[in-house]
């Protein structure tokens, strides 16, 4: 996604989010883009489809080490 695409994108956040303490997400183009809902002006991180799919799979499979 281009920066102009992100400016007009419909960012999503978890329904379990309280206030602005969460990550916002846009899925489109060829991957996913995330940003901090408290500091949207600080930029974003974009991930290719394969990277985002691997990350979500690791979270769902409890494969990420804490600490």
Protein backbone atom coordinates (compact mmCIF):
# COMPACT_ATOMS: atom_id res chain seq x y z
CA UNK A 1 0.00 0.00 0.00
CA UNK A 2 1.18 3.52 -0.68
CA UNK A 3 1.24 6.27 1.93
CA UNK A 4 -1.78 7.90 0.28
CA UNK A 5 -3.63 4.55 0.41
CA UNK A 6 -2.91 4.33 4.14
CA UNK A 7 -4.11 7.90 4.74
CA UNK A 8 -7.55 6.99 3.42
CA UNK A 9 -7.57 3.39 4.69
CA UNK A 10 -10.08 2.07 7.19
CA UNK A 11 -7.87 1.06 10.12
CA UNK A 12 -9.22 -1.75 12.34
CA UNK A 13 -8.57 -2.47 15.99
CA UNK A 14 -9.58 -5.17 18.40
CA UNK A 15 -13.05 -4.95 19.93
CA UNK A 16 -11.28 -5.83 23.21
CA UNK A 17 -9.22 -2.64 23.06
CA UNK A 18 -9.72 -0.14 25.85
CA UNK A 19 -9.25 3.45 24.77
CA UNK A 20 -6.28 3.96 22.50
CA UNK A 21 -3.95 1.32 23.94
CA UNK A 22 -3.74 -0.99 20.98
CA UNK A 23 -2.41 -1.68 17.53
CA UNK A 24 -4.41 -0.74 14.45
CA UNK A 25 -4.34 -2.87 11.31
CA UNK A 26 -4.99 -2.53 7.59
CA UNK A 27 -4.91 -5.61 5.36
CA UNK A 28 -4.70 -4.96 1.66
CA UNK A 29 -2.53 -4.80 -1.36
CA UNK A 30 0.11 -7.45 -0.81
CA UNK A 31 0.20 -7.64 2.97
CA UNK A 32 -0.65 -6.03 6.28
CA UNK A 33 0.25 -2.70 7.86
CA UNK A 34 0.15 -1.95 11.60
CA UNK A 35 0.52 1.21 13.69
CA UNK A 36 0.20 2.37 17.30
CA UNK A 37 -3.28 3.79 17.89
CA UNK A 38 -1.92 6.31 20.43
CA UNK A 39 0.74 7.67 18.09
CA UNK A 40 -0.55 7.33 14.55
CA UNK A 41 1.72 10.15 13.39
CA UNK A 42 4.83 8.10 14.29
CA UNK A 43 4.46 5.90 11.23
CA UNK A 44 3.66 2.29 10.54
CA UNK A 45 5.18 -1.12 9.85
CA UNK A 46 4.28 -3.04 6.70
CA UNK A 47 4.60 -6.78 6.22
CA UNK A 48 4.34 -8.94 3.10
CA UNK A 49 1.53 -11.54 3.02
CA UNK A 50 3.92 -14.40 3.80
CA UNK A 51 5.41 -12.53 6.79
CA UNK A 52 2.01 -11.59 8.24
CA UNK A 53 0.67 -15.11 7.77
CA UNK A 54 3.72 -16.56 9.54
CA UNK A 55 3.36 -14.10 12.43
CA UNK A 56 -0.35 -14.80 12.93
CA UNK A 57 0.32 -18.54 12.76
CA UNK A 58 3.03 -18.23 15.41
CA UNK A 59 0.70 -16.27 17.70
CA UNK A 60 -2.15 -18.74 17.26
CA UNK A 61 0.22 -21.67 17.82
CA UNK A 62 1.71 -20.07 20.96
CA UNK A 63 5.15 -20.32 19.35
CA UNK A 64 6.52 -16.92 20.40
CA UNK A 65 8.91 -16.87 23.37
CA UNK A 66 8.25 -14.33 26.13
CA UNK A 67 11.02 -12.07 27.31
